Amino acid sequence: MRKITAMLLALAMLLLGCGKAPSEPAIPADTPTVTDVWGRTVEIPQQVDSIICLGSMAPRFAAYLDATDMLVGAEDHDIKGCTVLRDYNAVYFDELKALPSVGAGGGSGQNNGYPEQIIGVMPDVIIAGFDSAACDELQRQTGIPVVSVRYRDNGFIDENFDRALNVFAEVIGKQQRARQVLDFINSCKADLNSRTENIPDSEKQSVYTGAVTFNGRHGFGGTYVNFGPLMAVNANNVADSMAAQQVGDAASSAASSRKAYLGSNGFDIDLEQVIKWDPDVILLDPGNIDLVNDEYKANPGFFDSLRAVKDEQVYTMPSFNNCGQNTTYALIDAYFAGCVLFPEQFADVNIEDKAAEILEFMVGKNIFADMQNGGLYYGKITIGG
């Protein structure tokens, strides 16, 4: 009955052109609540059987929690084409494309849901990777509870991820699966760390990760501080020397406020600084190699002067960001980084086998070959070649 009442009220306001629904009908005092990543207290139904997922991470979490059968709508960018850029899409595309469109898709954090279409499918709860104001707006527009799971890591699959996943799991009653996912991730993190934690810094190769993807594509100068896959193996990331000025007090502010971390770990570095660092190893996002090759044509002397280029120590590091973090790809990247930077400690790791293990557990299917064929490949490369 609550669903029907909310739907009629919201539809009435849309038809009247007010763009804003009236106060929701009274909800029984025993209605459960969830506190989302912004500290918003959201009332949800006693029983949640249907959801839609919008924005950064929300559709991906549905896949990680084995809850895609609860979806009653999907975003345009997941319906209109199969892509390995989002791990869940490559596995669940046939299911997603059969669902009604309820939003545009994307990771901006703004409200890009389609209120009328959402009301038409009437989910019990909307789970969104939106900022706080956008969630409030969509909740007013539809009369349906909106819970945010938007977050960014300030490390390697850190407590921000854990918190957002647990919020999602609490809404849909998948706490047991959430514990399994976090246990699996934590076992990988412990394994990665144990292989390298006792290696003295003086014995580590220096590494620069460039052409990374954050808020779009970047050329060689696009890099990261606190780059998760490198942190996971205790690598000597040369960009971390700029971590304090890049991140500032964003992490401590998020911790004290109990709200989502929104610091910017990605930035563009002056190429002269890379020459000063002169890293032993360079890792580049293969999705942006075309940008790097264009830069090489314009300035081959810069690249040819770098030690890693001269020593043929340039490798691909596929992006794990697309409308949020592909946690599967971040884990695979970490193991690959370990194989490149610490070959003795990772001698027993076959990256294809490890990727299969991660993908099968997290999203239910090994899509490693699809990743490779879709441009997310691992291996040594020649800049400009």
Protein backbone atom coordinates (compact mmCIF):
# COMPACT_ATOMS: atom_id res chain seq x y z
CA MET A 1 0.00 0.00 0.00
CA ARG A 2 2.87 2.42 0.85
CA LYS A 3 4.34 1.83 -2.60
CA ILE A 4 1.08 2.62 -4.37
CA THR A 5 0.47 5.75 -2.29
CA ALA A 6 4.01 7.06 -2.90
CA MET A 7 3.74 6.34 -6.62
CA LEU A 8 0.41 8.18 -6.97
CA LEU A 9 1.67 11.19 -5.03
CA ALA A 10 4.91 11.45 -6.99
CA LEU A 11 3.13 11.02 -10.32
CA ALA A 12 0.64 13.70 -9.40
CA MET A 13 3.38 16.21 -8.66
CA LEU A 14 5.22 15.38 -11.89
CA LEU A 15 2.04 15.88 -13.89
CA LEU A 16 1.44 19.19 -12.16
CA GLY A 17 4.93 20.27 -13.11
CA CYS A 18 5.94 21.05 -9.53
CA GLY A 19 9.12 18.94 -9.75
CA LYS A 20 8.88 18.27 -6.04
CA ALA A 21 6.77 15.70 -4.24
CA PRO A 22 4.93 16.56 -1.02
CA SER A 23 5.87 15.10 2.33
CA GLU A 24 5.82 11.33 2.31
CA PRO A 25 2.91 9.58 4.03
CA ALA A 26 3.36 8.58 7.64
CA ILE A 27 5.54 5.53 8.08
CA PRO A 28 5.11 3.15 11.00
CA ALA A 29 7.44 3.74 13.93
CA ASP A 30 9.00 0.30 13.57
CA THR A 31 10.24 1.01 10.04
CA PRO A 32 13.98 0.21 9.90
CA THR A 33 16.54 2.86 9.05
CA VAL A 34 19.95 2.81 7.39
CA THR A 35 22.72 5.38 7.83
CA ASP A 36 24.42 5.91 4.50
CA VAL A 37 27.93 7.14 3.65
CA TRP A 38 26.93 10.78 4.13
CA GLY A 39 25.44 10.16 7.54
CA ARG A 40 21.91 10.44 6.15
CA THR A 41 19.37 8.38 8.09
CA VAL A 42 17.07 6.78 5.53
CA GLU A 43 13.86 4.91 6.33
CA ILE A 44 13.52 1.71 4.31
CA PRO A 45 10.84 -0.98 4.10
CA GLN A 46 10.88 -3.97 6.45
CA GLN A 47 11.35 -6.19 3.43
CA VAL A 48 13.41 -5.06 0.45
CA ASP A 49 12.76 -7.20 -2.61
CA SER A 50 13.53 -4.82 -5.47
CA ILE A 51 16.12 -2.11 -6.05
CA ILE A 52 17.61 0.08 -8.72
CA CYS A 53 21.27 1.09 -8.65
CA LEU A 54 22.44 4.42 -10.01
CA GLY A 55 25.80 6.14 -10.30
CA SER A 56 29.26 5.36 -9.01
CA MET A 57 29.72 1.84 -7.55
CA ALA A 58 26.05 1.01 -6.89
CA PRO A 59 25.50 -1.37 -9.86
CA ARG A 60 28.92 -2.91 -9.21
CA PHE A 61 28.10 -3.58 -5.56
CA ALA A 62 24.95 -5.39 -6.67
CA ALA A 63 27.16 -7.77 -8.64
CA TYR A 64 29.68 -8.25 -5.82
CA LEU A 65 26.83 -9.04 -3.43
CA ASP A 66 25.21 -11.44 -5.90
CA ALA A 67 22.07 -9.32 -5.93
CA THR A 68 21.56 -8.51 -9.60
CA ASP A 69 18.32 -10.51 -9.54
CA MET A 70 16.85 -7.75 -7.35
CA LEU A 71 17.34 -5.07 -10.03
CA VAL A 72 14.19 -3.78 -11.72
CA GLY A 73 15.90 -1.12 -13.82
CA ALA A 74 19.33 -0.23 -15.21
CA GLU A 75 21.26 2.77 -16.50
CA ASP A 76 21.59 3.69 -20.17
CA HIS A 77 25.33 3.16 -20.30
CA ASP A 78 24.90 -0.42 -19.07
CA ILE A 79 21.94 -1.17 -21.33
CA LYS A 80 23.33 0.18 -24.58
CA GLY A 81 26.55 -1.79 -24.84
CA CYS A 82 28.68 -4.51 -23.30
CA THR A 83 32.04 -3.28 -22.02
CA VAL A 84 34.92 -4.65 -19.96
CA LEU A 85 35.58 -1.16 -18.60
CA ARG A 86 33.06 -2.04 -15.87
CA ASP A 87 33.62 -5.55 -14.56
CA TYR A 88 30.00 -6.21 -13.67
CA ASN A 89 28.74 -5.09 -17.10
CA ALA A 90 30.86 -7.63 -18.93
CA VAL A 91 29.34 -10.42 -16.82
CA TYR A 92 25.72 -9.28 -16.47
CA PHE A 93 25.12 -7.39 -19.69
CA ASP A 94 22.41 -9.75 -20.97
CA GLU A 95 20.44 -9.25 -17.74
CA LEU A 96 20.99 -5.49 -17.66
CA LYS A 97 19.97 -4.83 -21.25
CA ALA A 98 16.62 -6.52 -20.63
CA LEU A 99 15.73 -4.05 -17.86
CA PRO A 100 13.91 -0.71 -18.26
CA SER A 101 16.07 2.43 -18.38
CA VAL A 102 16.01 4.39 -15.11
CA GLY A 103 19.03 6.69 -15.44
CA ALA A 104 21.82 7.93 -17.66
CA GLY A 105 24.76 6.40 -15.78
CA GLY A 106 28.10 7.92 -14.87
CA GLY A 107 30.17 8.73 -11.84
CA SER A 108 29.72 12.48 -11.34
CA GLY A 109 27.83 12.12 -8.07
CA GLN A 110 24.96 14.24 -9.37
CA ASN A 111 21.38 13.10 -9.79
CA ASN A 112 21.00 11.74 -13.31
CA GLY A 113 18.16 9.33 -12.59
CA TYR A 114 14.92 9.45 -14.56
CA PRO A 115 12.18 10.09 -11.95
CA GLU A 116 9.19 9.13 -14.07
CA GLN A 117 10.80 5.88 -15.26
CA ILE A 118 11.87 5.08 -11.69
CA ILE A 119 8.32 5.58 -10.45
CA GLY A 120 7.15 3.31 -13.24
CA VAL A 121 9.21 0.35 -11.97
CA MET A 122 8.71 1.39 -8.31
CA PRO A 123 11.67 -0.25 -6.54
CA ASP A 124 11.58 -0.66 -2.78
CA VAL A 125 14.83 1.30 -2.47
CA ILE A 126 17.11 3.30 -4.76
CA ILE A 127 20.81 2.73 -4.03
CA ALA A 128 22.91 5.50 -5.56
CA GLY A 129 26.48 6.63 -5.93
CA PHE A 130 25.31 10.23 -5.58
CA ASP A 131 26.29 13.04 -3.28
CA SER A 132 24.04 13.93 -0.37
CA ALA A 133 22.08 16.71 -2.08
CA ALA A 134 21.46 14.57 -5.17
CA CYS A 135 20.10 11.75 -3.04
CA ASP A 136 17.74 14.12 -1.25
CA GLU A 137 16.60 15.51 -4.58
CA LEU A 138 15.84 12.11 -6.11
CA GLN A 139 14.04 11.01 -2.96
CA ARG A 140 11.81 14.09 -3.16
CA GLN A 141 11.15 13.50 -6.85
CA THR A 142 10.12 9.87 -6.46
CA GLY A 143 8.93 9.36 -2.90
CA ILE A 144 11.24 6.32 -2.75
CA PRO A 145 14.05 5.90 -0.18
CA VAL A 146 17.48 6.76 -1.63
CA VAL A 147 20.60 5.39 0.07
CA SER A 148 24.06 6.57 -1.00
CA VAL A 149 27.08 4.28 -1.36
CA ARG A 150 29.33 6.86 -3.03
CA TYR A 151 32.96 6.71 -1.86
CA ARG A 152 36.59 6.99 -2.89
CA ASP A 153 39.52 5.03 -1.53
CA ASN A 154 42.41 6.83 0.12
CA GLY A 155 44.40 3.63 0.04
CA PHE A 156 43.98 0.14 -1.29
CA ILE A 157 40.36 -1.01 -1.03
CA ASP A 158 40.24 0.64 2.36
CA GLU A 159 37.65 1.24 5.07
CA ASN A 160 35.73 3.57 2.75
CA PHE A 161 35.01 0.61 0.47
CA ASP A 162 34.15 -1.61 3.42
CA ARG A 163 31.69 0.92 4.80
CA ALA A 164 29.91 1.50 1.49
CA LEU A 165 29.62 -2.23 0.76
CA ASN A 166 28.21 -2.86 4.24
CA VAL A 167 25.63 -0.08 3.81
CA PHE A 168 24.45 -1.71 0.57
CA ALA A 169 24.38 -5.15 2.20
CA GLU A 170 22.37 -3.84 5.14
CA VAL A 171 19.70 -2.43 2.83
CA ILE A 172 19.14 -5.71 0.97
CA GLY A 173 19.91 -8.19 3.74
CA LYS A 174 23.12 -9.53 2.19
CA GLN A 175 25.39 -9.12 5.22
CA GLN A 176 26.70 -12.69 5.00
CA ARG A 177 27.81 -12.24 1.38
CA ALA A 178 29.37 -8.89 2.30
CA ARG A 179 31.44 -10.62 4.99
CA GLN A 180 32.55 -13.23 2.47
CA VAL A 181 33.57 -10.53 -0.02
CA LEU A 182 35.51 -8.56 2.59
CA ASP A 183 37.17 -11.72 3.92
CA PHE A 184 38.29 -12.61 0.39
CA ILE A 185 39.62 -9.11 -0.26
CA ASN A 186 41.38 -8.99 3.10
CA SER A 187 43.04 -12.36 2.44
CA CYS A 188 44.37 -11.00 -0.87
CA LYS A 189 45.58 -7.82 0.83
CA ALA A 190 47.32 -9.84 3.55
CA ASP A 191 48.99 -12.05 0.96
CA LEU A 192 50.19 -9.07 -1.09
CA ASN A 193 51.53 -7.31 1.98
CA SER A 194 53.26 -10.33 3.50
CA ARG A 195 55.32 -10.89 0.37
CA THR A 196 56.88 -7.43 0.47
CA GLU A 197 56.51 -5.88 3.94
CA ASN A 198 60.01 -6.84 5.08
CA ILE A 199 61.87 -5.65 1.99
CA PRO A 200 64.02 -2.60 2.87
CA ASP A 201 63.18 0.54 0.91
CA SER A 202 66.77 0.68 -0.27
CA GLU A 203 66.24 -2.60 -2.13
CA LYS A 204 63.04 -1.57 -3.89
CA GLN A 205 62.83 -0.33 -7.46
CA SER A 206 61.24 3.08 -7.89
CA VAL A 207 58.07 3.14 -9.99
CA TYR A 208 55.95 5.76 -11.74
CA THR A 209 52.39 5.06 -12.85
CA GLY A 210 51.29 7.35 -15.66
CA ALA A 211 48.49 7.89 -18.17
CA VAL A 212 46.08 6.97 -15.40
CA THR A 213 42.33 7.42 -15.71
CA PHE A 214 40.60 9.73 -13.25
CA ASN A 215 37.78 12.06 -14.26
CA GLY A 216 38.55 11.05 -17.83
CA ARG A 217 41.67 10.12 -19.80
CA HIS A 218 45.12 11.55 -19.18
CA GLY A 219 48.46 11.46 -20.94
CA PHE A 220 51.83 10.47 -19.50
CA GLY A 221 51.68 13.13 -16.78
CA GLY A 222 48.46 11.82 -15.27
CA THR A 223 49.46 10.03 -12.07
CA TYR A 224 48.31 9.09 -8.58
CA VAL A 225 49.41 9.49 -5.00
CA ASN A 226 48.38 6.64 -2.72
CA PHE A 227 47.93 4.46 -5.81
CA GLY A 228 46.17 1.41 -4.43
CA PRO A 229 47.86 -1.44 -6.34
CA LEU A 230 51.29 -0.03 -5.48
CA MET A 231 50.38 0.54 -1.85
CA ALA A 232 49.24 -3.08 -1.65
CA VAL A 233 52.77 -4.33 -2.38
CA ASN A 234 54.57 -1.60 -0.42
CA ALA A 235 56.09 -0.24 -3.62
CA ASN A 236 58.21 2.88 -3.92
CA ASN A 237 55.77 5.08 -5.86
CA VAL A 238 57.72 8.24 -6.70
CA ALA A 239 54.53 10.33 -6.81
CA ASP A 240 53.87 9.67 -3.12
CA SER A 241 56.41 12.36 -2.30
CA MET A 242 53.56 14.76 -3.20
CA ALA A 243 50.84 12.98 -1.21
CA ALA A 244 50.53 15.56 1.58
CA GLN A 245 49.99 18.52 -0.73
CA GLN A 246 47.69 16.55 -3.05
CA VAL A 247 45.37 14.97 -0.49
CA GLY A 248 45.58 17.64 2.20
CA ASP A 249 43.23 17.17 5.12
CA ALA A 250 40.53 15.38 3.11
CA ALA A 251 41.17 12.00 4.74
CA SER A 252 41.20 13.27 8.33
CA SER A 253 38.14 15.42 7.65
CA ALA A 254 36.21 12.42 6.31
CA ALA A 255 37.27 10.29 9.27
CA SER A 256 36.15 12.86 11.82
CA SER A 257 32.84 13.62 10.10
CA ARG A 258 32.03 9.98 9.27
CA LYS A 259 31.21 11.09 5.77
CA ALA A 260 32.53 9.81 2.44
CA TYR A 261 36.15 10.59 1.55
CA LEU A 262 36.26 12.77 -1.55
CA GLY A 263 39.92 13.75 -1.77
CA SER A 264 41.52 13.86 -5.22
CA ASN A 265 44.40 11.40 -5.43
CA GLY A 266 44.81 11.76 -9.18
CA PHE A 267 46.61 14.76 -10.68
CA ASP A 268 48.77 15.88 -13.59
CA ILE A 269 52.48 16.19 -12.87
CA ASP A 270 54.98 18.44 -14.63
CA LEU A 271 57.01 16.19 -16.93
CA GLU A 272 60.23 17.77 -15.69
CA GLN A 273 59.47 16.26 -12.30
CA VAL A 274 59.37 12.78 -13.84
CA ILE A 275 62.85 13.39 -15.22
CA LYS A 276 64.03 14.29 -11.71
CA TRP A 277 62.47 11.13 -10.31
CA ASP A 278 63.82 9.03 -13.20
CA PRO A 279 61.99 5.87 -12.06
CA ASP A 280 63.28 2.34 -12.57
CA VAL A 281 59.89 1.12 -13.79
CA ILE A 282 56.98 2.83 -15.54
CA LEU A 283 53.39 1.53 -15.53
CA LEU A 284 50.91 2.96 -18.05
CA ASP A 285 47.18 2.54 -18.58
CA PRO A 286 46.84 0.78 -21.96
CA GLY A 287 43.58 2.63 -22.56
CA ASN A 288 45.55 5.88 -22.81
CA ILE A 289 48.59 4.63 -24.70
CA ASP A 290 47.46 6.49 -27.81
CA LEU A 291 47.81 9.76 -25.88
CA VAL A 292 51.27 8.77 -24.70
CA ASN A 293 52.36 7.78 -28.20
CA ASP A 294 51.22 11.16 -29.52
CA GLU A 295 53.29 12.82 -26.79
CA TYR A 296 56.25 10.68 -27.79
CA LYS A 297 56.02 11.84 -31.39
CA ALA A 298 56.04 15.46 -30.22
CA ASN A 299 58.89 15.02 -27.71
CA PRO A 300 60.81 11.76 -28.14
CA GLY A 301 63.86 13.16 -26.34
CA PHE A 302 61.97 13.38 -23.06
CA PHE A 303 60.88 9.76 -23.11
CA ASP A 304 64.18 8.41 -24.42
CA SER A 305 66.01 10.10 -21.55
CA LEU A 306 64.13 8.09 -18.93
CA ARG A 307 65.92 5.13 -17.35
CA ALA A 308 62.86 2.87 -17.50
CA VAL A 309 62.45 3.52 -21.22
CA LYS A 310 66.14 2.88 -21.92
CA ASP A 311 66.09 -0.31 -19.84
CA GLU A 312 62.82 -1.50 -21.42
CA GLN A 313 61.02 -1.49 -18.09
CA VAL A 314 57.70 -0.04 -19.25
CA TYR A 315 54.57 -2.11 -18.61
CA THR A 316 50.84 -1.76 -18.92
CA MET A 317 48.68 -1.27 -15.83
CA PRO A 318 45.00 -1.38 -16.89
CA SER A 319 42.75 1.21 -15.32
CA PHE A 320 40.51 0.00 -12.53
CA ASN A 321 38.36 3.15 -12.54
CA ASN A 322 35.16 3.53 -14.51
CA CYS A 323 32.15 5.00 -12.72
CA GLY A 324 33.83 3.93 -9.53
CA GLN A 325 36.44 1.32 -8.77
CA ASN A 326 36.53 -2.10 -10.38
CA THR A 327 37.75 -3.77 -7.21
CA THR A 328 38.47 -6.94 -9.17
CA TYR A 329 40.82 -5.09 -11.52
CA ALA A 330 42.50 -3.27 -8.62
CA LEU A 331 43.35 -6.64 -7.04
CA ILE A 332 44.66 -8.03 -10.33
CA ASP A 333 46.71 -4.87 -10.87
CA ALA A 334 48.26 -5.27 -7.42
CA TYR A 335 49.36 -8.83 -8.15
CA PHE A 336 50.74 -7.76 -11.52
CA ALA A 337 52.64 -4.89 -9.91
CA GLY A 338 54.10 -7.40 -7.48
CA CYS A 339 55.20 -9.66 -10.31
CA VAL A 340 56.93 -6.75 -12.09
CA LEU A 341 58.52 -5.03 -9.11
CA PHE A 342 59.26 -8.04 -6.90
CA PRO A 343 59.70 -11.01 -9.25
CA GLU A 344 61.36 -13.21 -6.63
CA GLN A 345 58.61 -12.72 -4.06
CA PHE A 346 55.87 -13.28 -6.66
CA ALA A 347 57.56 -16.09 -8.58
CA ASP A 348 54.70 -18.47 -7.79
CA VAL A 349 51.99 -16.12 -9.13
CA ASN A 350 50.58 -16.66 -12.58
CA ILE A 351 48.63 -13.50 -13.31
CA GLU A 352 46.07 -15.24 -15.53
CA ASP A 353 45.29 -17.84 -12.85
CA LYS A 354 45.14 -15.22 -10.10
CA ALA A 355 42.81 -13.06 -12.19
CA ALA A 356 40.51 -16.03 -12.76
CA GLU A 357 40.32 -16.68 -9.02
CA ILE A 358 39.48 -13.05 -8.25
CA LEU A 359 36.94 -12.59 -11.01
CA GLU A 360 35.12 -15.85 -10.39
CA PHE A 361 34.71 -15.08 -6.71
CA MET A 362 33.78 -11.42 -7.01
CA VAL A 363 31.53 -11.36 -10.09
CA GLY A 364 30.90 -15.02 -10.79
CA LYS A 365 32.75 -15.37 -14.08
CA ASN A 366 36.32 -15.30 -15.37
CA ILE A 367 36.39 -12.51 -17.95
CA PHE A 368 40.19 -12.15 -18.08
CA ALA A 369 40.33 -13.04 -21.78
CA ASP A 370 37.61 -10.49 -22.47
CA MET A 371 39.62 -7.89 -20.56
CA GLN A 372 42.69 -8.58 -22.67
CA ASN A 373 40.72 -8.48 -25.92
CA GLY A 374 38.95 -5.31 -24.82
CA GLY A 375 42.16 -3.36 -24.28
CA LEU A 376 42.77 -4.06 -20.59
CA TYR A 377 45.92 -6.07 -21.15
CA TYR A 378 49.06 -6.75 -19.11
CA GLY A 379 52.62 -6.88 -20.35
CA LYS A 380 55.73 -5.04 -21.43
CA ILE A 381 55.32 -2.28 -24.03
CA THR A 382 57.43 0.17 -26.03
CA ILE A 383 56.39 3.81 -25.87
CA GLY A 384 55.95 5.14 -29.40
CA GLY A 385 56.19 1.62 -30.79
